[in-house]
C-alpha atoms as a PDB file:
ATOM      1  CA  MET A   1       9.093   5.718  -5.779  1.00  0.00           C
ATOM      2  CA  VAL A   2       8.113   8.045  -8.579  1.00  0.00           C
ATOM      3  CA  ASN A   3       4.866   7.423 -10.445  1.00  0.00           C
ATOM      4  CA  ALA A   4       6.060   6.229 -13.855  1.00  0.00           C
ATOM      5  CA  ALA A   5       2.514   6.611 -15.232  1.00  0.00           C
ATOM      6  CA  ARG A   6       2.571  10.343 -14.432  1.00  0.00           C
ATOM      7  CA  SER A   7      -1.175  10.154 -13.813  1.00  0.00           C
ATOM      8  CA  PRO A   8      -3.306  11.597 -11.023  1.00  0.00           C
ATOM      9  CA  THR A   9      -5.574   8.514 -11.136  1.00  0.00           C
ATOM     10  CA  PHE A  10      -3.193   5.619 -11.833  1.00  0.00           C
ATOM     11  CA  TYR A  11       0.095   4.628 -10.235  1.00  0.00           C
ATOM     12  CA  GLU A  12       2.792   2.535 -11.850  1.00  0.00           C
ATOM     13  CA  PHE A  13       6.269   1.715 -10.570  1.00  0.00           C
ATOM     14  CA  ASP A  14       9.185   2.363 -12.863  1.00  0.00           C
ATOM     15  CA  SER A  15      10.364  -1.158 -13.739  1.00  0.00           C
ATOM     16  CA  MET A  16      14.048  -0.292 -13.218  1.00  0.00           C
ATOM     17  CA  ASP A  17      13.331   1.297  -9.819  1.00  0.00           C
ATOM     18  CA  LEU A  18      11.326  -1.755  -8.787  1.00  0.00           C
ATOM     19  CA  LEU A  19      14.049  -4.142  -9.951  1.00  0.00           C
ATOM     20  CA  ALA A  20      16.683  -2.166  -8.023  1.00  0.00           C
ATOM     21  CA  LEU A  21      14.489  -2.210  -4.910  1.00  0.00           C
ATOM     22  CA  TYR A  22      13.971  -5.994  -5.060  1.00  0.00           C
ATOM     23  CA  ARG A  23      17.681  -6.620  -5.684  1.00  0.00           C
ATOM     24  CA  GLU A  24      18.554  -4.483  -2.658  1.00  0.00           C
ATOM     25  CA  MET A  25      15.986  -6.309  -0.542  1.00  0.00           C
ATOM     26  CA  ASP A  26      17.320  -9.692  -1.721  1.00  0.00           C
ATOM     27  CA  GLU A  27      20.867  -8.672  -0.771  1.00  0.00           C
ATOM     28  CA  ARG A  28      19.624  -7.872   2.744  1.00  0.00           C
ATOM     29  CA  ASP A  29      17.473 -11.036   2.919  1.00  0.00           C
ATOM     30  CA  GLU A  30      14.379  -8.844   3.321  1.00  0.00           C
ATOM     31  CA  GLU A  31      10.849  -9.183   2.034  1.00  0.00           C
ATOM     32  CA  PRO A  32       8.003  -6.644   1.806  1.00  0.00           C
ATOM     33  CA  ILE A  33       5.861  -6.505   4.926  1.00  0.00           C
ATOM     34  CA  VAL A  34       3.640  -3.530   4.080  1.00  0.00           C
ATOM     35  CA  VAL A  35       2.739  -2.175   0.656  1.00  0.00           C
ATOM     36  CA  TYR A  36       0.810   1.072   0.842  1.00  0.00           C
ATOM     37  CA  HIS A  37      -0.632   3.769  -1.363  1.00  0.00           C
ATOM     38  CA  SER A  38      -3.453   6.285  -1.430  1.00  0.00           C
ATOM     39  CA  HIS A  39      -6.727   6.510  -3.286  1.00  0.00           C
ATOM     40  CA  THR A  40      -7.519  10.170  -3.802  1.00  0.00           C
ATOM     41  CA  ALA A  41     -11.023   9.801  -5.252  1.00  0.00           C
ATOM     42  CA  THR A  42     -12.281   6.422  -4.082  1.00  0.00           C
ATOM     43  CA  GLU A  43     -12.641   4.431  -0.882  1.00  0.00           C
ATOM     44  CA  ALA A  44      -9.705   2.674   0.767  1.00  0.00           C
ATOM     45  CA  TYR A  45     -10.425  -0.678  -0.847  1.00  0.00           C
ATOM     46  CA  PRO A  46      -8.251  -2.519  -3.394  1.00  0.00           C
ATOM     47  CA  SER A  47      -9.226  -1.764  -6.977  1.00  0.00           C
ATOM     48  CA  ARG A  48      -9.143  -4.460  -9.669  1.00  0.00           C
ATOM     49  CA  THR A  49      -5.766  -3.058 -10.677  1.00  0.00           C
ATOM     50  CA  ASP A  50      -4.498  -3.242  -7.080  1.00  0.00           C
ATOM     51  CA  VAL A  51      -5.582  -6.889  -6.885  1.00  0.00           C
ATOM     52  CA  SER A  52      -3.995  -7.770 -10.231  1.00  0.00           C
ATOM     53  CA  TYR A  53      -0.660  -6.190  -9.180  1.00  0.00           C
ATOM     54  CA  ALA A  54      -0.645  -7.713  -5.674  1.00  0.00           C
ATOM     55  CA  SER A  55       2.289 -10.118  -5.907  1.00  0.00           C
ATOM     56  CA  GLU A  56       3.389 -10.377  -2.275  1.00  0.00           C
ATOM     57  CA  PRO A  57       1.211 -12.954  -0.474  1.00  0.00           C
ATOM     58  CA  GLY A  58       2.916 -12.239   2.858  1.00  0.00           C
ATOM     59  CA  ALA A  59       2.430  -8.482   2.661  1.00  0.00           C
ATOM     60  CA  HIS A  60      -0.193  -6.302   4.278  1.00  0.00           C
ATOM     61  CA  TYR A  61      -1.696  -3.915   1.714  1.00  0.00           C
ATOM     62  CA  LEU A  62      -2.488  -0.641   3.467  1.00  0.00           C
ATOM     63  CA  LEU A  63      -4.742   1.806   1.620  1.00  0.00           C
ATOM     64  CA  VAL A  64      -5.438   5.397   2.575  1.00  0.00           C
ATOM     65  CA  SER A  65      -8.343   7.292   1.042  1.00  0.00           C
ATOM     66  CA  THR A  66      -8.235  11.073   0.973  1.00  0.00           C
ATOM     67  CA  ARG A  67     -11.444  11.475  -1.034  1.00  0.00           C
ATOM     68  CA  GLU A  68     -13.191  13.405   1.735  1.00  0.00           C
ATOM     69  CA  GLU A  69     -11.743  16.732   2.795  1.00  0.00           C
ATOM     70  CA  ASP A  70     -10.426  16.846   6.384  1.00  0.00           C
ATOM     71  CA  SER A  71     -10.785  13.090   6.755  1.00  0.00           C
ATOM     72  CA  GLU A  72      -8.726   9.983   6.075  1.00  0.00           C
ATOM     73  CA  GLU A  73      -9.878   6.411   5.723  1.00  0.00           C
ATOM     74  CA  ILE A  74      -7.174   3.816   6.453  1.00  0.00           C
ATOM     75  CA  ARG A  75      -7.706   0.095   5.873  1.00  0.00           C
ATOM     76  CA  SER A  76      -5.454  -2.952   5.606  1.00  0.00           C
ATOM     77  CA  PHE A  77      -5.891  -6.067   3.475  1.00  0.00           C
ATOM     78  CA  ARG A  78      -4.231  -9.338   2.599  1.00  0.00           C
ATOM     79  CA  ILE A  79      -4.429 -10.125  -1.108  1.00  0.00           C
ATOM     80  CA  VAL A  80      -3.584 -13.721  -2.007  1.00  0.00           C
ATOM     81  CA  ASP A  81      -4.404 -15.316  -5.360  1.00  0.00           C
ATOM     82  CA  GLY A  82      -6.899 -12.542  -6.114  1.00  0.00           C
ATOM     83  CA  VAL A  83      -8.765 -12.971  -2.829  1.00  0.00           C
ATOM     84  CA  VAL A  84      -9.057  -9.794  -0.738  1.00  0.00           C
ATOM     85  CA  THR A  85      -9.368 -10.167   3.032  1.00  0.00           C
ATOM     86  CA  GLU A  86      -9.640  -7.110   5.263  1.00  0.00           C
ATOM     87  CA  GLU A  87      -7.543  -6.989   8.418  1.00  0.00           C
ATOM     88  CA  GLU A  88      -8.297  -5.090  11.588  1.00  0.00           C
ATOM     89  CA  ILE A  89      -5.819  -2.311  12.302  1.00  0.00           C
ATOM     90  CA  SER A  90      -5.108  -0.222  15.366  1.00  0.00           C
ATOM     91  CA  ILE A  91      -3.459   3.158  15.267  1.00  0.00           C
ATOM     92  CA  VAL A  92      -1.436   3.756  18.398  1.00  0.00           C
ATOM     93  CA  PRO A  93       0.462   6.849  19.487  1.00  0.00           C
ATOM     94  CA  SER A  94       4.201   6.835  18.917  1.00  0.00           C
ATOM     95  CA  LEU A  95       6.534   6.566  21.892  1.00  0.00           C
ATOM     96  CA  ASN A  96       7.061  10.342  21.681  1.00  0.00           C
ATOM     97  CA  GLU A  97       3.335  11.142  21.781  1.00  0.00           C
ATOM     98  CA  SER A  98       1.125  11.214  24.792  1.00  0.00           C
ATOM     99  CA  PRO A  99      -2.405   9.781  24.410  1.00  0.00           C
ATOM    100  CA  ALA A 100      -5.145  12.321  23.732  1.00  0.00           C
END
Protein backbone atom coordinates (compact mmCIF):
# COMPACT_ATOMS: atom_id res chain seq x y z
CA MET A 1 0.00 0.00 0.00
CA VAL A 2 1.16 3.52 -0.69
CA ASN A 3 2.22 5.72 2.22
CA ALA A 4 -0.58 8.27 2.42
CA ALA A 5 1.51 10.39 4.82
CA ARG A 6 4.22 10.79 2.16
CA SER A 7 6.79 10.91 4.95
CA PRO A 8 10.16 9.19 5.29
CA THR A 9 9.60 8.80 9.06
CA PHE A 10 5.87 8.07 9.38
CA TYR A 11 3.62 5.62 7.57
CA GLU A 12 -0.12 5.93 7.18
CA PHE A 13 -2.50 3.78 5.14
CA ASP A 14 -4.83 5.52 2.75
CA SER A 15 -8.24 5.01 4.39
CA MET A 16 -9.92 4.05 1.09
CA ASP A 17 -7.17 1.53 0.27
CA LEU A 18 -7.47 0.03 3.74
CA LEU A 19 -11.26 -0.18 3.50
CA ALA A 20 -11.01 -1.89 0.10
CA LEU A 21 -8.46 -4.35 1.49
CA TYR A 22 -10.66 -5.28 4.48
CA ARG A 23 -13.75 -5.64 2.28
CA GLU A 24 -11.82 -7.97 -0.04
CA MET A 25 -10.56 -9.98 2.91
CA ASP A 26 -14.09 -10.20 4.36
CA GLU A 27 -15.42 -11.48 1.03
CA ARG A 28 -12.80 -14.25 1.12
CA ASP A 29 -13.39 -14.96 4.84
CA GLU A 30 -9.76 -14.03 5.54
CA GLU A 31 -8.11 -12.23 8.41
CA PRO A 32 -4.65 -10.66 8.74
CA ILE A 33 -2.01 -13.08 9.97
CA VAL A 34 1.11 -10.93 9.58
CA VAL A 35 1.35 -7.14 9.55
CA TYR A 36 4.83 -5.92 8.70
CA HIS A 37 6.75 -2.75 8.05
CA SER A 38 10.25 -1.34 8.36
CA HIS A 39 11.89 1.12 10.70
CA THR A 40 14.63 2.89 8.79
CA ALA A 41 16.18 4.83 11.68
CA THR A 42 15.22 2.95 14.83
CA GLU A 43 15.31 -0.57 16.23
CA ALA A 44 12.81 -3.23 15.20
CA TYR A 45 10.50 -2.63 18.14
CA PRO A 46 6.93 -1.27 18.02
CA SER A 47 6.77 2.49 18.46
CA ARG A 48 3.97 4.14 20.45
CA THR A 49 2.29 4.83 17.12
CA ASP A 50 2.64 1.17 16.07
CA VAL A 51 1.03 0.08 19.35
CA SER A 52 -1.81 2.60 19.05
CA TYR A 53 -2.60 1.44 15.48
CA ALA A 54 -2.34 -2.29 16.26
CA SER A 55 -5.94 -3.41 15.82
CA GLU A 56 -5.52 -7.09 14.94
CA PRO A 57 -5.12 -9.12 18.15
CA GLY A 58 -4.57 -12.34 16.19
CA ALA A 59 -1.86 -10.90 13.97
CA HIS A 60 1.90 -11.19 14.25
CA TYR A 61 3.53 -7.77 13.88
CA LEU A 62 6.84 -8.23 12.07
CA LEU A 63 9.27 -5.30 12.15
CA VAL A 64 12.43 -4.93 10.11
CA SER A 65 15.04 -2.33 11.02
CA THR A 66 17.43 -1.12 8.34
CA ARG A 67 19.09 1.52 10.53
CA GLU A 68 22.51 -0.11 10.26
CA GLU A 69 24.12 -0.35 6.85
CA ASP A 70 24.63 -3.92 5.56
CA SER A 71 22.53 -5.35 8.38
CA GLU A 72 18.88 -6.10 9.08
CA GLU A 73 17.17 -6.65 12.39
CA ILE A 74 13.95 -8.67 12.17
CA ARG A 75 11.64 -9.18 15.16
CA SER A 76 8.06 -10.33 15.65
CA PHE A 77 5.53 -9.23 18.26
CA ARG A 78 1.97 -9.76 19.37
CA ILE A 79 0.24 -6.52 20.32
CA VAL A 80 -3.01 -6.97 22.25
CA ASP A 81 -4.73 -4.18 24.18
CA GLY A 82 -1.53 -2.12 24.13
CA VAL A 83 0.61 -4.93 25.54
CA VAL A 84 3.65 -5.83 23.41
CA THR A 85 4.98 -9.38 23.62
CA GLU A 86 7.97 -10.46 21.55
CA GLU A 87 7.81 -13.77 19.73
CA GLU A 88 10.70 -15.98 18.74
CA ILE A 89 11.15 -16.28 14.98
CA SER A 90 13.16 -18.62 12.81
CA ILE A 91 14.25 -17.82 9.30
CA VAL A 92 14.44 -20.95 7.20
CA PRO A 93 15.61 -21.39 3.63
CA SER A 94 12.92 -21.61 0.98
CA LEU A 95 12.28 -24.93 -0.74
CA ASN A 96 14.33 -23.67 -3.70
CA GLU A 97 17.36 -22.77 -1.57
CA SER A 98 19.96 -25.10 -0.24
CA PRO A 99 21.21 -24.47 3.32
CA ALA A 100 24.45 -22.51 3.60
